[in-house]
Structures are given as structure tokens and as C-alpha cells.
Amino acid sequence: MRAFRTLPNVALAVYAHPDDADVAAGGVLATWAQAGCSTHLVIVCDGAKGSHDASVDTDKLRERRAHELQVAAGLLGVGSVRSLGRPDGGFSNDEELREQLVGIIRTLRPSIVLGPDPTATFFGGVYINHRDHRELGWALLDAVAPASAMPQYYPEQGPPHEVSQLLLSGTHEADVVADISNGIEQKVKAVLAHESQLREEPDWVRSAVSVRAEQAGREIGVTYGEAFRLVDFTK
């Protein structure tokens, strides 16, 4: 495990659900934004199925989660938020999604892209990585390499752009940790902003987020960290 110290000029985080980026990479997004990086967020799903309550009004939940997303992004200092509006559990790594992602990458031209690792499925015998995370992860990999960098892929989406580095979260193969000591409070606040998703007391959530960040930070000798699998296209 090694420290990830790169500060990009432009970073793009692409995740499935409205709260995913805050849990997975909220600390590094906040830290980079504080340091002057232009940070951007794309969320694929509308979040309307994100409830264990069978009686929930899905239209109201969709609206609520969209509001929570904007609040959380503001807390992290994210410069722009784009929601693609796909239904939870109802999209795949298809041509339309790949083209959308390529268009966004070519427009924003990030040097670093963050997203979920699609190869991670089972976690400790107690959790299965959501299909949405896996499908999006594969679509993002396909969009970043090679499509966004190759001019014959989706030429109508603008001039090609080659991403320098890809950081994958929710992985079994983490090899870098980013120091988020300056962004931990913003991360905690952003996670807590998704009130519709909190099944535990806020104090428990705050503690859980902090403990996980402490564990990651310990790997590189800092107070708080976030762990990722790094793909470095500059090597």
C-alpha cells in the first residue's frame, strides 16, 4: 500500500446512486476541492427504489434523494452534478450509457476519474455488491479505456480525451490510499445529508465513517484515508 498524492486540476467521480460517491470518495473529493481542483459528479440512477418501505411514494423518494444529492455535493465543494436518471436496477453496460459517459469525459476532460470496481462482488460473506455498481463499473472502464481516448469511438461526442489515472473504490485490490484528513468532516456531513438512507442513528454513522477512514489512513501513517485500486495510464 502506498500514498496517493496526486492533485488533479479536474476530477470526475461517476457512481450509481445518489449517496455512493460520498461513502466511497467523499473525503478525497472534498480535499481536492479545497486545494483548488475542479471536481465533478455523475450519478446514473434516480434512487427511487432506495427504500425498504413497501409503502414509500417512489416519486417523492426520487425528489428527496435528488435534493439530498445536491446538499451533499455542496458540502463536498463539488463543482457540478449531473444525474442520468436511470431506474435503480434497470440499466446495463450498454451502448447508450457508454456513449453518455464518453461525452461527459470529453467535455470535462478530467485527468482523474473515480468510480466503483466492478470486479468486487462478495464482501466478507455478508454483502453482495449491487448490480448497479457492477454494471456501472464495467461501463466506466469501457468509456475510459479505450473509448474516450480514441477518435473513432463516438466522434459526435467531441475530440478525444485520455484520462491519466483511474481510482476504483469498493475494491478487494486496493493499492493506494489518499490522505483525507482535511476532508473527513465534509465527508461525514455529506454522508449524513442522505437522511433517507440512514437506518442507524447519526452518531453511529459518524463513528462508522470515521473508523473506516482511520483504518485506511493507518496504512500510510495519516489520520484519515480512503483506499482505492489505481490504474495509471501514464506508465
C-alpha atoms as a PDB file:
ATOM      1  CA  MET A   1       0.000   0.000   0.000  1.00  0.00           C
ATOM      2  CA  ARG A   2       1.304   3.451  -0.878  1.00  0.00           C
ATOM      3  CA  ALA A   3       0.124   7.028  -0.546  1.00  0.00           C
ATOM      4  CA  PHE A   4      -1.695   8.627  -3.461  1.00  0.00           C
ATOM      5  CA  ARG A   5      -0.585  12.247  -3.530  1.00  0.00           C
ATOM      6  CA  THR A   6      -1.636  13.435  -6.983  1.00  0.00           C
ATOM      7  CA  LEU A   7      -3.697  16.638  -7.007  1.00  0.00           C
ATOM      8  CA  PRO A   8      -5.590  16.815 -10.299  1.00  0.00           C
ATOM      9  CA  ASN A   9      -6.743  20.004 -11.965  1.00  0.00           C
ATOM     10  CA  VAL A  10     -10.019  18.328 -12.928  1.00  0.00           C
ATOM     11  CA  ALA A  11     -11.524  15.188 -11.372  1.00  0.00           C
ATOM     12  CA  LEU A  12     -14.693  13.303 -12.272  1.00  0.00           C
ATOM     13  CA  ALA A  13     -16.494  10.863  -9.958  1.00  0.00           C
ATOM     14  CA  VAL A  14     -19.052   8.523 -11.542  1.00  0.00           C
ATOM     15  CA  TYR A  15     -21.284   6.438  -9.276  1.00  0.00           C
ATOM     16  CA  ALA A  16     -24.592   4.588  -9.432  1.00  0.00           C
ATOM     17  CA  HIS A  17     -26.709   6.002  -6.573  1.00  0.00           C
ATOM     18  CA  PRO A  18     -27.055   9.457  -5.004  1.00  0.00           C
ATOM     19  CA  ASP A  19     -25.117   8.543  -1.830  1.00  0.00           C
ATOM     20  CA  ASP A  20     -22.424   6.322  -3.365  1.00  0.00           C
ATOM     21  CA  ALA A  21     -19.770   8.951  -4.057  1.00  0.00           C
ATOM     22  CA  ASP A  22     -19.927  10.373  -0.540  1.00  0.00           C
ATOM     23  CA  VAL A  23     -19.399   6.970   1.061  1.00  0.00           C
ATOM     24  CA  ALA A  24     -16.716   5.859  -1.387  1.00  0.00           C
ATOM     25  CA  ALA A  25     -14.781   9.016  -2.184  1.00  0.00           C
ATOM     26  CA  GLY A  26     -16.304  11.981  -0.367  1.00  0.00           C
ATOM     27  CA  GLY A  27     -13.126  12.664   1.567  1.00  0.00           C
ATOM     28  CA  VAL A  28     -10.820  12.893  -1.408  1.00  0.00           C
ATOM     29  CA  LEU A  29     -13.312  14.956  -3.412  1.00  0.00           C
ATOM     30  CA  ALA A  30     -13.598  17.437  -0.539  1.00  0.00           C
ATOM     31  CA  THR A  31      -9.817  17.521  -0.045  1.00  0.00           C
ATOM     32  CA  TRP A  32      -9.163  18.132  -3.719  1.00  0.00           C
ATOM     33  CA  ALA A  33     -11.872  20.809  -3.950  1.00  0.00           C
ATOM     34  CA  GLN A  34     -10.308  22.649  -1.009  1.00  0.00           C
ATOM     35  CA  ALA A  35      -6.967  22.589  -2.830  1.00  0.00           C
ATOM     36  CA  GLY A  36      -8.426  24.137  -5.987  1.00  0.00           C
ATOM     37  CA  CYS A  37      -9.310  21.074  -8.062  1.00  0.00           C
ATOM     38  CA  SER A  38     -12.413  21.347 -10.247  1.00  0.00           C
ATOM     39  CA  THR A  39     -14.474  18.358  -9.095  1.00  0.00           C
ATOM     40  CA  HIS A  40     -17.499  16.930 -10.899  1.00  0.00           C
ATOM     41  CA  LEU A  41     -20.005  14.199 -10.102  1.00  0.00           C
ATOM     42  CA  VAL A  42     -22.189  11.999 -12.296  1.00  0.00           C
ATOM     43  CA  ILE A  43     -24.902   9.805 -10.758  1.00  0.00           C
ATOM     44  CA  VAL A  44     -26.531   7.229 -13.017  1.00  0.00           C
ATOM     45  CA  CYS A  45     -29.627   6.139 -11.036  1.00  0.00           C
ATOM     46  CA  ASP A  46     -32.545   8.184  -9.761  1.00  0.00           C
ATOM     47  CA  GLY A  47     -32.616   6.407  -6.370  1.00  0.00           C
ATOM     48  CA  ALA A  48     -36.393   5.854  -6.375  1.00  0.00           C
ATOM     49  CA  LYS A  49     -36.069   2.218  -5.234  1.00  0.00           C
ATOM     50  CA  GLY A  50     -33.741   3.017  -2.353  1.00  0.00           C
ATOM     51  CA  SER A  51     -36.083   2.108   0.482  1.00  0.00           C
ATOM     52  CA  HIS A  52     -37.085  -0.984   2.480  1.00  0.00           C
ATOM     53  CA  ASP A  53     -40.557   0.506   2.984  1.00  0.00           C
ATOM     54  CA  ALA A  54     -43.041  -1.121   0.595  1.00  0.00           C
ATOM     55  CA  SER A  55     -45.461   1.796   1.010  1.00  0.00           C
ATOM     56  CA  VAL A  56     -43.000   4.520   0.059  1.00  0.00           C
ATOM     57  CA  ASP A  57     -44.057   7.015  -2.609  1.00  0.00           C
ATOM     58  CA  THR A  58     -41.322   6.488  -5.188  1.00  0.00           C
ATOM     59  CA  ASP A  59     -41.877   9.864  -6.856  1.00  0.00           C
ATOM     60  CA  LYS A  60     -41.382  11.642  -3.551  1.00  0.00           C
ATOM     61  CA  LEU A  61     -38.366   9.488  -2.731  1.00  0.00           C
ATOM     62  CA  ARG A  62     -36.825  10.313  -6.105  1.00  0.00           C
ATOM     63  CA  GLU A  63     -37.275  14.031  -5.411  1.00  0.00           C
ATOM     64  CA  ARG A  64     -35.953  13.705  -1.881  1.00  0.00           C
ATOM     65  CA  ARG A  65     -32.843  11.860  -2.965  1.00  0.00           C
ATOM     66  CA  ALA A  66     -32.174  14.406  -5.708  1.00  0.00           C
ATOM     67  CA  HIS A  67     -32.285  17.131  -3.069  1.00  0.00           C
ATOM     68  CA  GLU A  68     -30.023  15.161  -0.734  1.00  0.00           C
ATOM     69  CA  LEU A  69     -27.561  14.699  -3.590  1.00  0.00           C
ATOM     70  CA  GLN A  70     -27.339  18.441  -4.194  1.00  0.00           C
ATOM     71  CA  VAL A  71     -26.885  19.184  -0.488  1.00  0.00           C
ATOM     72  CA  ALA A  72     -24.150  16.572  -0.133  1.00  0.00           C
ATOM     73  CA  ALA A  73     -22.338  17.750  -3.253  1.00  0.00           C
ATOM     74  CA  GLY A  74     -22.397  21.295  -1.920  1.00  0.00           C
ATOM     75  CA  LEU A  75     -20.849  20.150   1.352  1.00  0.00           C
ATOM     76  CA  LEU A  76     -18.016  18.492  -0.573  1.00  0.00           C
ATOM     77  CA  GLY A  77     -17.432  21.510  -2.787  1.00  0.00           C
ATOM     78  CA  VAL A  78     -18.298  19.611  -5.957  1.00  0.00           C
ATOM     79  CA  GLY A  79     -18.452  21.982  -8.900  1.00  0.00           C
ATOM     80  CA  SER A  80     -21.139  20.245 -10.940  1.00  0.00           C
ATOM     81  CA  VAL A  81     -23.594  17.380 -10.505  1.00  0.00           C
ATOM     82  CA  ARG A  82     -25.261  15.517 -13.327  1.00  0.00           C
ATOM     83  CA  SER A  83     -27.914  12.825 -12.877  1.00  0.00           C
ATOM     84  CA  LEU A  84     -28.613  10.462 -15.761  1.00  0.00           C
ATOM     85  CA  GLY A  85     -31.976   9.371 -14.333  1.00  0.00           C
ATOM     86  CA  ARG A  86     -31.732   5.637 -15.000  1.00  0.00           C
ATOM     87  CA  PRO A  87     -34.004   3.480 -12.785  1.00  0.00           C
ATOM     88  CA  ASP A  88     -32.385   1.599  -9.920  1.00  0.00           C
ATOM     89  CA  GLY A  89     -31.638  -1.942 -11.057  1.00  0.00           C
ATOM     90  CA  GLY A  90     -32.823  -1.128 -14.562  1.00  0.00           C
ATOM     91  CA  PHE A  91     -29.719  -0.308 -16.568  1.00  0.00           C
ATOM     92  CA  SER A  92     -26.814  -2.213 -18.060  1.00  0.00           C
ATOM     93  CA  ASN A  93     -23.418  -1.569 -19.555  1.00  0.00           C
ATOM     94  CA  ASP A  94     -24.983  -0.696 -22.884  1.00  0.00           C
ATOM     95  CA  GLU A  95     -24.028   1.430 -25.875  1.00  0.00           C
ATOM     96  CA  GLU A  96     -26.139   4.380 -24.750  1.00  0.00           C
ATOM     97  CA  LEU A  97     -24.555   4.572 -21.302  1.00  0.00           C
ATOM     98  CA  ARG A  98     -21.020   4.208 -22.644  1.00  0.00           C
ATOM     99  CA  GLU A  99     -21.620   6.972 -25.159  1.00  0.00           C
ATOM    100  CA  GLN A 100     -23.044   9.246 -22.454  1.00  0.00           C
ATOM    101  CA  LEU A 101     -20.021   8.672 -20.249  1.00  0.00           C
ATOM    102  CA  VAL A 102     -17.599   9.251 -23.111  1.00  0.00           C
ATOM    103  CA  GLY A 103     -19.356  12.528 -23.910  1.00  0.00           C
ATOM    104  CA  ILE A 104     -19.086  13.690 -20.306  1.00  0.00           C
ATOM    105  CA  ILE A 105     -15.420  12.729 -20.081  1.00  0.00           C
ATOM    106  CA  ARG A 106     -14.608  14.525 -23.316  1.00  0.00           C
ATOM    107  CA  THR A 107     -16.493  17.622 -22.183  1.00  0.00           C
ATOM    108  CA  LEU A 108     -14.984  17.871 -18.686  1.00  0.00           C
ATOM    109  CA  ARG A 109     -11.556  16.440 -19.658  1.00  0.00           C
ATOM    110  CA  PRO A 110     -10.588  15.121 -16.208  1.00  0.00           C
ATOM    111  CA  SER A 111      -7.114  13.807 -15.512  1.00  0.00           C
ATOM    112  CA  ILE A 112      -8.502  11.508 -12.799  1.00  0.00           C
ATOM    113  CA  VAL A 113     -11.762   9.549 -12.897  1.00  0.00           C
ATOM    114  CA  LEU A 114     -13.193   7.788  -9.842  1.00  0.00           C
ATOM    115  CA  GLY A 115     -15.788   5.026  -9.768  1.00  0.00           C
ATOM    116  CA  PRO A 116     -16.668   1.561  -8.432  1.00  0.00           C
ATOM    117  CA  ASP A 117     -14.542  -1.524  -9.032  1.00  0.00           C
ATOM    118  CA  PRO A 118     -16.836  -3.921 -10.956  1.00  0.00           C
ATOM    119  CA  THR A 119     -14.688  -6.956 -10.205  1.00  0.00           C
ATOM    120  CA  ALA A 120     -15.570  -6.909  -6.478  1.00  0.00           C
ATOM    121  CA  THR A 121     -18.736  -8.919  -5.850  1.00  0.00           C
ATOM    122  CA  PHE A 122     -18.689 -10.605  -2.426  1.00  0.00           C
ATOM    123  CA  PHE A 123     -17.658  -8.839   0.775  1.00  0.00           C
ATOM    124  CA  GLY A 124     -16.935 -10.899   3.881  1.00  0.00           C
ATOM    125  CA  GLY A 125     -19.789 -13.302   3.330  1.00  0.00           C
ATOM    126  CA  VAL A 126     -22.296 -10.650   4.440  1.00  0.00           C
ATOM    127  CA  TYR A 127     -22.701  -8.342   1.449  1.00  0.00           C
ATOM    128  CA  ILE A 128     -23.102  -8.628  -2.314  1.00  0.00           C
ATOM    129  CA  ASN A 129     -22.035  -5.643  -4.352  1.00  0.00           C
ATOM    130  CA  HIS A 130     -25.136  -4.197  -6.039  1.00  0.00           C
ATOM    131  CA  ARG A 131     -25.694  -4.981  -9.694  1.00  0.00           C
ATOM    132  CA  ASP A 132     -25.877  -1.245 -10.413  1.00  0.00           C
ATOM    133  CA  HIS A 133     -22.366  -0.771  -9.030  1.00  0.00           C
ATOM    134  CA  ARG A 134     -21.011  -3.620 -11.126  1.00  0.00           C
ATOM    135  CA  GLU A 135     -22.759  -2.626 -14.360  1.00  0.00           C
ATOM    136  CA  LEU A 136     -21.695   0.988 -13.991  1.00  0.00           C
ATOM    137  CA  GLY A 137     -18.152  -0.042 -13.133  1.00  0.00           C
ATOM    138  CA  TRP A 138     -17.818  -2.024 -16.358  1.00  0.00           C
ATOM    139  CA  ALA A 139     -19.377   0.790 -18.394  1.00  0.00           C
ATOM    140  CA  LEU A 140     -16.981   3.310 -16.858  1.00  0.00           C
ATOM    141  CA  LEU A 141     -13.959   1.113 -17.592  1.00  0.00           C
ATOM    142  CA  ASP A 142     -15.092   0.768 -21.207  1.00  0.00           C
ATOM    143  CA  ALA A 143     -15.696   4.511 -21.523  1.00  0.00           C
ATOM    144  CA  VAL A 144     -12.330   5.463 -20.051  1.00  0.00           C
ATOM    145  CA  ALA A 145     -10.249   2.853 -21.868  1.00  0.00           C
ATOM    146  CA  PRO A 146     -10.226   2.965 -24.732  1.00  0.00           C
ATOM    147  CA  ALA A 147     -13.338   4.806 -25.922  1.00  0.00           C
ATOM    148  CA  SER A 148     -12.838   8.358 -24.628  1.00  0.00           C
ATOM    149  CA  ALA A 149      -9.252   8.457 -25.908  1.00  0.00           C
ATOM    150  CA  MET A 150      -9.928   7.038 -29.383  1.00  0.00           C
ATOM    151  CA  PRO A 151     -11.345   9.383 -32.052  1.00  0.00           C
ATOM    152  CA  GLN A 152     -13.285   6.705 -33.926  1.00  0.00           C
ATOM    153  CA  TYR A 153     -15.394   5.931 -30.857  1.00  0.00           C
ATOM    154  CA  TYR A 154     -18.426   8.245 -30.771  1.00  0.00           C
ATOM    155  CA  PRO A 155     -16.864  11.056 -32.849  1.00  0.00           C
ATOM    156  CA  GLU A 156     -20.016  13.142 -32.380  1.00  0.00           C
ATOM    157  CA  GLN A 157     -19.171  13.385 -28.659  1.00  0.00           C
ATOM    158  CA  GLY A 158     -16.254  15.724 -29.295  1.00  0.00           C
ATOM    159  CA  PRO A 159     -12.480  15.465 -29.517  1.00  0.00           C
ATOM    160  CA  PRO A 160     -10.876  12.521 -27.737  1.00  0.00           C
ATOM    161  CA  HIS A 161      -9.511  12.826 -24.231  1.00  0.00           C
ATOM    162  CA  GLU A 162      -7.142  10.439 -22.491  1.00  0.00           C
ATOM    163  CA  VAL A 163      -7.675  10.032 -18.758  1.00  0.00           C
ATOM    164  CA  SER A 164      -4.386   9.824 -16.856  1.00  0.00           C
ATOM    165  CA  GLN A 165      -5.483   7.819 -13.823  1.00  0.00           C
ATOM    166  CA  LEU A 166      -8.470   5.807 -12.684  1.00  0.00           C
ATOM    167  CA  LEU A 167      -9.260   5.312  -8.976  1.00  0.00           C
ATOM    168  CA  LEU A 168     -11.603   2.418  -8.204  1.00  0.00           C
ATOM    169  CA  SER A 169     -13.385   2.238  -4.851  1.00  0.00           C
ATOM    170  CA  GLY A 170     -15.169  -0.655  -3.154  1.00  0.00           C
ATOM    171  CA  THR A 171     -12.341  -2.932  -4.219  1.00  0.00           C
ATOM    172  CA  HIS A 172     -10.618  -6.069  -2.967  1.00  0.00           C
ATOM    173  CA  GLU A 173      -7.386  -4.924  -4.567  1.00  0.00           C
ATOM    174  CA  ALA A 174      -6.704  -1.519  -3.054  1.00  0.00           C
ATOM    175  CA  ASP A 175      -3.111  -0.444  -3.575  1.00  0.00           C
ATOM    176  CA  VAL A 176      -3.196   3.284  -2.803  1.00  0.00           C
ATOM    177  CA  VAL A 177      -4.607   5.438  -0.012  1.00  0.00           C
ATOM    178  CA  ALA A 178      -5.414   9.136  -0.324  1.00  0.00           C
ATOM    179  CA  ASP A 179      -4.977  11.321   2.769  1.00  0.00           C
ATOM    180  CA  ILE A 180      -8.408  12.796   3.565  1.00  0.00           C
ATOM    181  CA  SER A 181      -7.566  14.242   6.955  1.00  0.00           C
ATOM    182  CA  ASN A 182      -8.558  17.705   5.688  1.00  0.00           C
ATOM    183  CA  GLY A 183     -11.808  16.401   4.215  1.00  0.00           C
ATOM    184  CA  ILE A 184     -13.115  13.947   6.797  1.00  0.00           C
ATOM    185  CA  GLU A 185     -15.618  16.359   8.343  1.00  0.00           C
ATOM    186  CA  GLN A 186     -17.071  17.233   4.957  1.00  0.00           C
ATOM    187  CA  LYS A 187     -17.289  13.539   4.110  1.00  0.00           C
ATOM    188  CA  VAL A 188     -19.180  12.754   7.316  1.00  0.00           C
ATOM    189  CA  LYS A 189     -21.578  15.664   6.769  1.00  0.00           C
ATOM    190  CA  ALA A 190     -22.169  14.612   3.162  1.00  0.00           C
ATOM    191  CA  VAL A 191     -22.967  11.025   4.160  1.00  0.00           C
ATOM    192  CA  LEU A 192     -25.347  12.282   6.845  1.00  0.00           C
ATOM    193  CA  ALA A 193     -27.075  14.530   4.292  1.00  0.00           C
ATOM    194  CA  HIS A 194     -28.623  11.404   2.750  1.00  0.00           C
ATOM    195  CA  GLU A 195     -31.179  11.156   5.520  1.00  0.00           C
ATOM    196  CA  SER A 196     -33.497   8.904   3.507  1.00  0.00           C
ATOM    197  CA  GLN A 197     -30.802   6.228   3.548  1.00  0.00           C
ATOM    198  CA  LEU A 198     -29.866   6.336   7.230  1.00  0.00           C
ATOM    199  CA  ARG A 199     -31.053   3.228   9.033  1.00  0.00           C
ATOM    200  CA  GLU A 200     -28.854   3.938  12.051  1.00  0.00           C
ATOM    201  CA  GLU A 201     -28.512   6.906  14.399  1.00  0.00           C
ATOM    202  CA  PRO A 202     -26.374   9.780  13.077  1.00  0.00           C
ATOM    203  CA  ASP A 203     -23.788   9.276  15.830  1.00  0.00           C
ATOM    204  CA  TRP A 204     -23.373   5.645  14.771  1.00  0.00           C
ATOM    205  CA  VAL A 205     -22.968   6.660  11.123  1.00  0.00           C
ATOM    206  CA  ARG A 206     -20.417   9.329  12.031  1.00  0.00           C
ATOM    207  CA  SER A 207     -18.448   6.799  14.062  1.00  0.00           C
ATOM    208  CA  ALA A 208     -18.598   4.140  11.330  1.00  0.00           C
ATOM    209  CA  VAL A 209     -17.369   6.537   8.640  1.00  0.00           C
ATOM    210  CA  SER A 210     -14.571   7.806  10.889  1.00  0.00           C
ATOM    211  CA  VAL A 211     -13.409   4.338  11.941  1.00  0.00           C
ATOM    212  CA  ARG A 212     -13.243   3.133   8.355  1.00  0.00           C
ATOM    213  CA  ALA A 213     -11.253   6.224   7.362  1.00  0.00           C
ATOM    214  CA  GLU A 214      -8.921   5.738  10.324  1.00  0.00           C
ATOM    215  CA  GLN A 215      -8.242   2.155   9.232  1.00  0.00           C
ATOM    216  CA  ALA A 216      -7.367   3.262   5.714  1.00  0.00           C
ATOM    217  CA  GLY A 217      -5.242   6.155   6.934  1.00  0.00           C
ATOM    218  CA  ARG A 218      -3.249   3.879   9.203  1.00  0.00           C
ATOM    219  CA  GLU A 219      -1.926   2.089   6.101  1.00  0.00           C
ATOM    220  CA  ILE A 220       0.092   5.173   5.128  1.00  0.00           C
ATOM    221  CA  GLY A 221       0.556   6.824   8.511  1.00  0.00           C
ATOM    222  CA  VAL A 222      -2.083   9.564   8.299  1.00  0.00           C
ATOM    223  CA  THR A 223      -5.125  10.246  10.463  1.00  0.00           C
ATOM    224  CA  TYR A 224      -7.799   9.552   7.851  1.00  0.00           C
ATOM    225  CA  GLY A 225      -7.689   7.991   4.407  1.00  0.00           C
ATOM    226  CA  GLU A 226      -9.655   6.464   1.557  1.00  0.00           C
ATOM    227  CA  ALA A 227      -8.375   3.369  -0.233  1.00  0.00           C
ATOM    228  CA  PHE A 228      -8.553   2.769  -3.986  1.00  0.00           C
ATOM    229  CA  ARG A 229      -7.326   0.496  -6.722  1.00  0.00           C
ATOM    230  CA  LEU A 230      -5.202   2.607  -9.056  1.00  0.00           C
ATOM    231  CA  VAL A 231      -4.982   2.221 -12.817  1.00  0.00           C
ATOM    232  CA  ASP A 232      -2.259   4.549 -14.107  1.00  0.00           C
ATOM    233  CA  PHE A 233      -2.390   5.075 -17.859  1.00  0.00           C
ATOM    234  CA  THR A 234       0.729   7.264 -17.826  1.00  0.00           C
ATOM    235  CA  LYS A 235       3.064   4.347 -17.060  1.00  0.00           C
END
